PDB file of N, CA and C in Angstrom:
ATOM      1  N   MET A   1       0.844  -1.178   0.000  1.00  0.00           N
ATOM      2  CA  MET A   1       0.000   0.000   0.000  1.00  0.00           C
ATOM      3  C   MET A   1       0.885   1.234   0.000  1.00  0.00           C
ATOM      4  N   LYS A   2       0.378   2.288  -0.602  1.00  0.00           N
ATOM      5  CA  LYS A   2       1.107   3.551  -0.635  1.00  0.00           C
ATOM      6  C   LYS A   2       0.732   4.407   0.576  1.00  0.00           C
ATOM      7  N   TYR A   3       1.729   5.138   1.059  1.00  0.00           N
ATOM      8  CA  TYR A   3       1.537   6.053   2.179  1.00  0.00           C
ATOM      9  C   TYR A   3       2.253   7.353   1.881  1.00  0.00           C
ATOM     10  N   LEU A   4       1.700   8.423   2.389  1.00  0.00           N
ATOM     11  CA  LEU A   4       2.341   9.724   2.372  1.00  0.00           C
ATOM     12  C   LEU A   4       2.733  10.013   3.815  1.00  0.00           C
ATOM     13  N   ILE A   5       4.020  10.249   4.044  1.00  0.00           N
ATOM     14  CA  ILE A   5       4.514  10.486   5.399  1.00  0.00           C
ATOM     15  C   ILE A   5       5.106  11.886   5.466  1.00  0.00           C
ATOM     16  N   THR A   6       4.614  12.664   6.408  1.00  0.00           N
ATOM     17  CA  THR A   6       5.137  14.004   6.626  1.00  0.00           C
ATOM     18  C   THR A   6       5.672  14.080   8.058  1.00  0.00           C
ATOM     19  N   TYR A   7       6.617  14.961   8.267  1.00  0.00           N
ATOM     20  CA  TYR A   7       7.203  15.057   9.600  1.00  0.00           C
ATOM     21  C   TYR A   7       7.573  16.489   9.931  1.00  0.00           C
ATOM     22  N   ASP A   8       7.640  16.750  11.228  1.00  0.00           N
ATOM     23  CA  ASP A   8       8.143  18.007  11.778  1.00  0.00           C
ATOM     24  C   ASP A   8       9.000  17.600  12.964  1.00  0.00           C
ATOM     25  N   ILE A   9      10.306  17.520  12.733  1.00  0.00           N
ATOM     26  CA  ILE A   9      11.259  17.060  13.744  1.00  0.00           C
ATOM     27  C   ILE A   9      12.124  18.238  14.164  1.00  0.00           C
ATOM     28  N   CYS A  10      12.130  18.533  15.449  1.00  0.00           N
ATOM     29  CA  CYS A  10      12.822  19.731  15.963  1.00  0.00           C
ATOM     30  C   CYS A  10      14.346  19.617  15.963  1.00  0.00           C
ATOM     31  N   ASN A  11      14.858  18.460  16.268  1.00  0.00           N
ATOM     32  CA  ASN A  11      16.285  18.259  16.460  1.00  0.00           C
ATOM     33  C   ASN A  11      16.932  17.744  15.167  1.00  0.00           C
ATOM     34  N   ASP A  12      18.052  18.370  14.766  1.00  0.00           N
ATOM     35  CA  ASP A  12      18.725  17.988  13.523  1.00  0.00           C
ATOM     36  C   ASP A  12      19.144  16.512  13.504  1.00  0.00           C
ATOM     37  N   ASN A  13      19.692  16.027  14.607  1.00  0.00           N
ATOM     38  CA  ASN A  13      20.161  14.644  14.673  1.00  0.00           C
ATOM     39  C   ASN A  13      18.994  13.666  14.503  1.00  0.00           C
ATOM     40  N   ARG A  14      17.911  13.907  15.222  1.00  0.00           N
ATOM     41  CA  ARG A  14      16.735  13.038  15.101  1.00  0.00           C
ATOM     42  C   ARG A  14      16.144  13.133  13.701  1.00  0.00           C
ATOM     43  N   ARG A  15      16.111  14.345  13.145  1.00  0.00           N
ATOM     44  CA  ARG A  15      15.564  14.540  11.801  1.00  0.00           C
ATOM     45  C   ARG A  15      16.359  13.728  10.786  1.00  0.00           C
ATOM     46  N   GLU A  16      17.680  13.753  10.875  1.00  0.00           N
ATOM     47  CA  GLU A  16      18.517  12.994   9.938  1.00  0.00           C
ATOM     48  C   GLU A  16      18.248  11.493  10.053  1.00  0.00           C
ATOM     49  N   LYS A  17      18.020  11.007  11.262  1.00  0.00           N
ATOM     50  CA  LYS A  17      17.709   9.585  11.455  1.00  0.00           C
ATOM     51  C   LYS A  17      16.356   9.234  10.835  1.00  0.00           C
ATOM     52  N   VAL A  18      15.383  10.122  10.999  1.00  0.00           N
ATOM     53  CA  VAL A  18      14.061   9.898  10.401  1.00  0.00           C
ATOM     54  C   VAL A  18      14.182   9.905   8.881  1.00  0.00           C
ATOM     55  N   ILE A  19      14.918  10.854   8.333  1.00  0.00           N
ATOM     56  CA  ILE A  19      15.102  10.939   6.883  1.00  0.00           C
ATOM     57  C   ILE A  19      15.747   9.662   6.355  1.00  0.00           C
ATOM     58  N   LYS A  20      16.753   9.155   7.047  1.00  0.00           N
ATOM     59  CA  LYS A  20      17.410   7.920   6.606  1.00  0.00           C
ATOM     60  C   LYS A  20      16.429   6.762   6.596  1.00  0.00           C
ATOM     61  N   LEU A  21      15.637   6.622   7.644  1.00  0.00           N
ATOM     62  CA  LEU A  21      14.646   5.542   7.697  1.00  0.00           C
ATOM     63  C   LEU A  21      13.650   5.656   6.542  1.00  0.00           C
ATOM     64  N   LEU A  22      13.180   6.867   6.284  1.00  0.00           N
ATOM     65  CA  LEU A  22      12.194   7.059   5.224  1.00  0.00           C
ATOM     66  C   LEU A  22      12.808   6.889   3.837  1.00  0.00           C
ATOM     67  N   ASN A  23      14.044   7.343   3.662  1.00  0.00           N
ATOM     68  CA  ASN A  23      14.738   7.152   2.380  1.00  0.00           C
ATOM     69  C   ASN A  23      14.922   5.681   2.059  1.00  0.00           C
ATOM     70  N   ASP A  24      15.104   4.869   3.091  1.00  0.00           N
ATOM     71  CA  ASP A  24      15.323   3.438   2.894  1.00  0.00           C
ATOM     72  C   ASP A  24      14.084   2.720   2.363  1.00  0.00           C
ATOM     73  N   CYS A  25      12.920   3.326   2.507  1.00  0.00           N
ATOM     74  CA  CYS A  25      11.705   2.620   2.068  1.00  0.00           C
ATOM     75  C   CYS A  25      10.843   3.418   1.115  1.00  0.00           C
ATOM     76  N   GLY A  26      11.287   4.589   0.705  1.00  0.00           N
ATOM     77  CA  GLY A  26      10.482   5.371  -0.223  1.00  0.00           C
ATOM     78  C   GLY A  26      11.283   6.485  -0.845  1.00  0.00           C
ATOM     79  N   LYS A  27      10.551   7.435  -1.417  1.00  0.00           N
ATOM     80  CA  LYS A  27      11.247   8.568  -2.039  1.00  0.00           C
ATOM     81  C   LYS A  27      10.688   9.876  -1.521  1.00  0.00           C
ATOM     82  N   ARG A  28      11.584  10.817  -1.422  1.00  0.00           N
ATOM     83  CA  ARG A  28      11.225  12.148  -0.940  1.00  0.00           C
ATOM     84  C   ARG A  28      10.530  12.896  -2.069  1.00  0.00           C
ATOM     85  N   VAL A  29       9.353  13.439  -1.764  1.00  0.00           N
ATOM     86  CA  VAL A  29       8.616  14.204  -2.769  1.00  0.00           C
ATOM     87  C   VAL A  29       8.605  15.692  -2.454  1.00  0.00           C
ATOM     88  N   GLN A  30       8.872  16.038  -1.212  1.00  0.00           N
ATOM     89  CA  GLN A  30       9.064  17.421  -0.787  1.00  0.00           C
ATOM     90  C   GLN A  30       9.988  17.385   0.419  1.00  0.00           C
ATOM     91  N   PHE A  31      10.375  18.546   0.913  1.00  0.00           N
ATOM     92  CA  PHE A  31      11.383  18.597   1.978  1.00  0.00           C
ATOM     93  C   PHE A  31      11.027  17.714   3.164  1.00  0.00           C
ATOM     94  N   SER A  32       9.827  17.778   3.672  1.00  0.00           N
ATOM     95  CA  SER A  32       9.422  17.004   4.852  1.00  0.00           C
ATOM     96  C   SER A  32       8.326  16.007   4.509  1.00  0.00           C
ATOM     97  N   CYS A  33       8.404  15.449   3.312  1.00  0.00           N
ATOM     98  CA  CYS A  33       7.323  14.596   2.845  1.00  0.00           C
ATOM     99  C   CYS A  33       7.878  13.454   1.988  1.00  0.00           C
ATOM    100  N   PHE A  34       7.481  12.236   2.321  1.00  0.00           N
ATOM    101  CA  PHE A  34       7.925  11.058   1.593  1.00  0.00           C
ATOM    102  C   PHE A  34       6.739  10.264   1.087  1.00  0.00           C
ATOM    103  N   GLU A  35       6.931   9.631  -0.056  1.00  0.00           N
ATOM    104  CA  GLU A  35       5.965   8.683  -0.597  1.00  0.00           C
ATOM    105  C   GLU A  35       6.604   7.302  -0.452  1.00  0.00           C
ATOM    106  N   ILE A  36       5.884   6.385   0.173  1.00  0.00           N
ATOM    107  CA  ILE A  36       6.411   5.029   0.314  1.00  0.00           C
ATOM    108  C   ILE A  36       5.348   4.027  -0.129  1.00  0.00           C
ATOM    109  N   ASP A  37       5.812   2.874  -0.546  1.00  0.00           N
ATOM    110  CA  ASP A  37       4.931   1.792  -0.962  1.00  0.00           C
ATOM    111  C   ASP A  37       5.433   0.539  -0.254  1.00  0.00           C
ATOM    112  N   ILE A  38       4.788   0.180   0.857  1.00  0.00           N
ATOM    113  CA  ILE A  38       5.246  -0.943   1.663  1.00  0.00           C
ATOM    114  C   ILE A  38       4.055  -1.758   2.169  1.00  0.00           C
ATOM    115  N   SER A  39       4.360  -2.963   2.629  1.00  0.00           N
ATOM    116  CA  SER A  39       3.322  -3.830   3.183  1.00  0.00           C
ATOM    117  C   SER A  39       2.952  -3.365   4.593  1.00  0.00           C
ATOM    118  N   SER A  40       1.867  -3.895   5.106  1.00  0.00           N
ATOM    119  CA  SER A  40       1.444  -3.506   6.457  1.00  0.00           C
ATOM    120  C   SER A  40       2.460  -3.960   7.504  1.00  0.00           C
ATOM    121  N   GLN A  41       3.106  -5.113   7.284  1.00  0.00           N
ATOM    122  CA  GLN A  41       4.138  -5.574   8.218  1.00  0.00           C
ATOM    123  C   GLN A  41       5.353  -4.650   8.189  1.00  0.00           C
ATOM    124  N   GLU A  42       5.747  -4.224   6.985  1.00  0.00           N
ATOM    125  CA  GLU A  42       6.867  -3.296   6.863  1.00  0.00           C
ATOM    126  C   GLU A  42       6.528  -1.950   7.495  1.00  0.00           C
ATOM    127  N   LEU A  43       5.279  -1.528   7.347  1.00  0.00           N
ATOM    128  CA  LEU A  43       4.851  -0.271   7.958  1.00  0.00           C
ATOM    129  C   LEU A  43       4.946  -0.354   9.475  1.00  0.00           C
ATOM    130  N   GLU A  44       4.493  -1.455  10.052  1.00  0.00           N
ATOM    131  CA  GLU A  44       4.580  -1.611  11.509  1.00  0.00           C
ATOM    132  C   GLU A  44       6.029  -1.571  11.983  1.00  0.00           C
ATOM    133  N   SER A  45       6.926  -2.180  11.231  1.00  0.00           N
ATOM    134  CA  SER A  45       8.346  -2.139  11.566  1.00  0.00           C
ATOM    135  C   SER A  45       8.881  -0.710  11.475  1.00  0.00           C
ATOM    136  N   LEU A  46       8.507  -0.002  10.418  1.00  0.00           N
ATOM    137  CA  LEU A  46       8.933   1.392  10.249  1.00  0.00           C
ATOM    138  C   LEU A  46       8.420   2.258  11.395  1.00  0.00           C
ATOM    139  N   ILE A  47       7.164   2.091  11.764  1.00  0.00           N
ATOM    140  CA  ILE A  47       6.585   2.861  12.867  1.00  0.00           C
ATOM    141  C   ILE A  47       7.352   2.603  14.155  1.00  0.00           C
ATOM    142  N   SER A  48       7.688   1.360  14.400  1.00  0.00           N
ATOM    143  CA  SER A  48       8.451   1.014  15.595  1.00  0.00           C
ATOM    144  C   SER A  48       9.818   1.703  15.591  1.00  0.00           C
ATOM    145  N   GLN A  49      10.490   1.694  14.448  1.00  0.00           N
ATOM    146  CA  GLN A  49      11.798   2.342  14.337  1.00  0.00           C
ATOM    147  C   GLN A  49      11.682   3.850  14.510  1.00  0.00           C
ATOM    148  N   LEU A  50      10.662   4.435  13.907  1.00  0.00           N
ATOM    149  CA  LEU A  50      10.459   5.881  14.035  1.00  0.00           C
ATOM    150  C   LEU A  50      10.182   6.266  15.483  1.00  0.00           C
ATOM    151  N   ASN A  51       9.387   5.448  16.174  1.00  0.00           N
ATOM    152  CA  ASN A  51       9.084   5.719  17.586  1.00  0.00           C
ATOM    153  C   ASN A  51      10.325   5.684  18.466  1.00  0.00           C
ATOM    154  N   GLU A  52      11.322   4.900  18.062  1.00  0.00           N
ATOM    155  CA  GLU A  52      12.572   4.831  18.820  1.00  0.00           C
ATOM    156  C   GLU A  52      13.425   6.087  18.621  1.00  0.00           C
ATOM    157  N   VAL A  53      13.212   6.774  17.513  1.00  0.00           N
ATOM    158  CA  VAL A  53      14.040   7.935  17.158  1.00  0.00           C
ATOM    159  C   VAL A  53      13.457   9.245  17.669  1.00  0.00           C
ATOM    160  N   ILE A  54      12.163   9.414  17.544  1.00  0.00           N
ATOM    161  CA  ILE A  54      11.567  10.729  17.812  1.00  0.00           C
ATOM    162  C   ILE A  54      11.395  11.006  19.305  1.00  0.00           C
ATOM    163  N   ASP A  55      11.279  12.280  19.610  1.00  0.00           N
ATOM    164  CA  ASP A  55      10.905  12.739  20.944  1.00  0.00           C
ATOM    165  C   ASP A  55       9.404  12.991  20.901  1.00  0.00           C
ATOM    166  N   LYS A  56       8.658  12.182  21.593  1.00  0.00           N
ATOM    167  CA  LYS A  56       7.193  12.245  21.520  1.00  0.00           C
ATOM    168  C   LYS A  56       6.611  13.536  22.089  1.00  0.00           C
ATOM    169  N   GLU A  57       7.420  14.304  22.806  1.00  0.00           N
ATOM    170  CA  GLU A  57       6.971  15.583  23.352  1.00  0.00           C
ATOM    171  C   GLU A  57       7.218  16.745  22.393  1.00  0.00           C
ATOM    172  N   GLU A  58       8.127  16.566  21.405  1.00  0.00           N
ATOM    173  CA  GLU A  58       8.503  17.661  20.515  1.00  0.00           C
ATOM    174  C   GLU A  58       8.212  17.407  19.041  1.00  0.00           C
ATOM    175  N   ASP A  59       8.309  16.165  18.607  1.00  0.00           N
ATOM    176  CA  ASP A  59       8.271  15.844  17.185  1.00  0.00           C
ATOM    177  C   ASP A  59       6.899  15.338  16.747  1.00  0.00           C
ATOM    178  N   ARG A  60       6.657  15.443  15.440  1.00  0.00           N
ATOM    179  CA  ARG A  60       5.408  14.942  14.859  1.00  0.00           C
ATOM    180  C   ARG A  60       5.700  14.206  13.565  1.00  0.00           C
ATOM    181  N   ILE A  61       5.027  13.074  13.382  1.00  0.00           N
ATOM    182  CA  ILE A  61       5.064  12.352  12.117  1.00  0.00           C
ATOM    183  C   ILE A  61       3.625  11.964  11.805  1.00  0.00           C
ATOM    184  N   TYR A  62       3.193  12.236  10.578  1.00  0.00           N
ATOM    185  CA  TYR A  62       1.854  11.846  10.128  1.00  0.00           C
ATOM    186  C   TYR A  62       2.003  10.838   9.002  1.00  0.00           C
ATOM    187  N   ILE A  63       1.234   9.773   9.070  1.00  0.00           N
ATOM    188  CA  ILE A  63       1.265   8.723   8.051  1.00  0.00           C
ATOM    189  C   ILE A  63      -0.136   8.618   7.465  1.00  0.00           C
ATOM    190  N   PHE A  64      -0.244   8.982   6.187  1.00  0.00           N
ATOM    191  CA  PHE A  64      -1.532   8.976   5.503  1.00  0.00           C
ATOM    192  C   PHE A  64      -1.574   7.841   4.496  1.00  0.00           C
ATOM    193  N   PRO A  65      -2.513   6.917   4.607  1.00  0.00           N
ATOM    194  CA  PRO A  65      -2.639   5.879   3.577  1.00  0.00           C
ATOM    195  C   PRO A  65      -3.216   6.495   2.310  1.00  0.00           C
ATOM    196  N   ILE A  66      -2.728   6.038   1.169  1.00  0.00           N
ATOM    197  CA  ILE A  66      -3.208   6.522  -0.119  1.00  0.00           C
ATOM    198  C   ILE A  66      -3.831   5.336  -0.864  1.00  0.00           C
ATOM    199  N   SER A  67      -5.112   5.363  -1.023  1.00  0.00           N
ATOM    200  CA  SER A  67      -5.836   4.301  -1.701  1.00  0.00           C
ATOM    201  C   SER A  67      -5.444   4.245  -3.178  1.00  0.00           C
ATOM    202  N   LYS A  68      -5.330   3.033  -3.712  1.00  0.00           N
ATOM    203  CA  LYS A  68      -5.027   2.898  -5.139  1.00  0.00           C
ATOM    204  C   LYS A  68      -6.135   3.516  -5.997  1.00  0.00           C
ATOM    205  N   PHE A  69      -7.316   3.649  -5.421  1.00  0.00           N
ATOM    206  CA  PHE A  69      -8.426   4.265  -6.146  1.00  0.00           C
ATOM    207  C   PHE A  69      -8.304   5.787  -6.184  1.00  0.00           C
ATOM    208  N   ALA A  70      -7.582   6.355  -5.227  1.00  0.00           N
ATOM    209  CA  ALA A  70      -7.416   7.809  -5.172  1.00  0.00           C
ATOM    210  C   ALA A  70      -6.275   8.310  -6.040  1.00  0.00           C
ATOM    211  N   ILE A  71      -5.285   7.475  -6.299  1.00  0.00           N
ATOM    212  CA  ILE A  71      -4.084   7.900  -7.020  1.00  0.00           C
ATOM    213  C   ILE A  71      -4.400   8.522  -8.381  1.00  0.00           C
ATOM    214  N   PRO A  72      -5.313   7.971  -9.176  1.00  0.00           N
ATOM    215  CA  PRO A  72      -5.598   8.597 -10.474  1.00  0.00           C
ATOM    216  C   PRO A  72      -6.170  10.011 -10.365  1.00  0.00           C
ATOM    217  N   PHE A  73      -6.682  10.372  -9.197  1.00  0.00           N
ATOM    218  CA  PHE A  73      -7.302  11.680  -9.018  1.00  0.00           C
ATOM    219  C   PHE A  73      -6.358  12.715  -8.392  1.00  0.00           C
ATOM    220  N   VAL A  74      -5.129  12.313  -8.094  1.00  0.00           N
ATOM    221  CA  VAL A  74      -4.152  13.223  -7.510  1.00  0.00           C
ATOM    222  C   VAL A  74      -3.785  14.288  -8.535  1.00  0.00           C
ATOM    223  N   LYS A  75      -3.792  15.533  -8.131  1.00  0.00           N
ATOM    224  CA  LYS A  75      -3.421  16.655  -8.992  1.00  0.00           C
ATOM    225  C   LYS A  75      -1.979  17.038  -8.703  1.00  0.00           C
ATOM    226  N   LYS A  76      -1.196  17.216  -9.742  1.00  0.00           N
ATOM    227  CA  LYS A  76       0.214  17.586  -9.618  1.00  0.00           C
ATOM    228  C   LYS A  76       0.384  18.978 -10.195  1.00  0.00           C
ATOM    229  N   LEU A  77       0.849  19.912  -9.377  1.00  0.00           N
ATOM    230  CA  LEU A  77       1.044  21.292  -9.807  1.00  0.00           C
ATOM    231  C   LEU A  77       2.507  21.667  -9.693  1.00  0.00           C
ATOM    232  N   GLY A  78       2.960  22.551 -10.529  1.00  0.00           N
ATOM    233  CA  GLY A  78       4.341  23.018 -10.442  1.00  0.00           C
ATOM    234  C   GLY A  78       5.309  22.012 -11.022  1.00  0.00           C
ATOM    235  N   LYS A  79       6.539  22.056 -10.558  1.00  0.00           N
ATOM    236  CA  LYS A  79       7.599  21.197 -11.064  1.00  0.00           C
ATOM    237  C   LYS A  79       7.267  19.739 -10.747  1.00  0.00           C
ATOM    238  N   VAL A  80       7.261  18.921 -11.768  1.00  0.00           N
ATOM    239  CA  VAL A  80       6.974  17.497 -11.601  1.00  0.00           C
ATOM    240  C   VAL A  80       8.277  16.726 -11.739  1.00  0.00           C
ATOM    241  N   ASP A  81       8.474  15.736 -10.892  1.00  0.00           N
ATOM    242  CA  ASP A  81       9.654  14.880 -10.929  1.00  0.00           C
ATOM    243  C   ASP A  81       9.772  14.256 -12.312  1.00  0.00           C
ATOM    244  N   THR A  82      10.969  14.324 -12.918  1.00  0.00           N
ATOM    245  CA  THR A  82      11.156  13.769 -14.258  1.00  0.00           C
ATOM    246  C   THR A  82      11.368  12.263 -14.234  1.00  0.00           C
ATOM    247  N   GLU A  83      11.609  11.692 -13.061  1.00  0.00           N
ATOM    248  CA  GLU A  83      11.710  10.236 -12.950  1.00  0.00           C
ATOM    249  C   GLU A  83      10.321   9.657 -13.057  1.00  0.00           C
ATOM    250  N   ASP A  84      10.155   8.419 -12.770  1.00  0.00           N
ATOM    251  CA  ASP A  84       8.864   7.739 -12.874  1.00  0.00           C
ATOM    252  C   ASP A  84       7.789   8.485 -12.100  1.00  0.00           C
ATOM    253  N   ASN A  85       6.957   9.278 -12.786  1.00  0.00           N
ATOM    254  CA  ASN A  85       5.899  10.054 -12.120  1.00  0.00           C
ATOM    255  C   ASN A  85       4.619   9.260 -11.960  1.00  0.00           C
ATOM    256  N   SER A  86       4.577   8.043 -12.456  1.00  0.00           N
ATOM    257  CA  SER A  86       3.317   7.318 -12.399  1.00  0.00           C
ATOM    258  C   SER A  86       2.846   7.075 -10.974  1.00  0.00           C
ATOM    259  N   SER A  87       3.796   7.051 -10.042  1.00  0.00           N
ATOM    260  CA  SER A  87       3.395   6.818  -8.655  1.00  0.00           C
ATOM    261  C   SER A  87       3.549   8.067  -7.790  1.00  0.00           C
ATOM    262  N   LEU A  88       3.879   9.195  -8.393  1.00  0.00           N
ATOM    263  CA  LEU A  88       4.096  10.422  -7.646  1.00  0.00           C
ATOM    264  C   LEU A  88       2.813  10.866  -6.979  1.00  0.00           C
ATOM    265  N   ILE A  89       2.889  11.149  -5.690  1.00  0.00           N
ATOM    266  CA  ILE A  89       1.713  11.541  -4.927  1.00  0.00           C
ATOM    267  C   ILE A  89       1.489  13.046  -5.006  1.00  0.00           C
ATOM    268  N   LEU A  90       2.515  13.834  -4.774  1.00  0.00           N
ATOM    269  CA  LEU A  90       2.352  15.289  -4.802  1.00  0.00           C
ATOM    270  C   LEU A  90       3.073  15.877  -5.994  1.00  0.00           C
TER     271      LEU A  90
END
């Protein structure tokens, strides 16, 4: 399943760790936003790893599921990634 993950991490060190985890399973579509396509088991593992990194009092991560039925209706404005855009969320 596809997910859109956004984050607001206060600390540079924690932010870099979150970015590395997200880069390992998806692609960055904006500065604080990643598109990933993983199984539910992989998602649970990722959530567990992210929870180990973040400060729950300061940081925020949002994980939005993207239905395969919604993808054809996604509107892309501005500069579009020249790589495979067929799965681009934003």
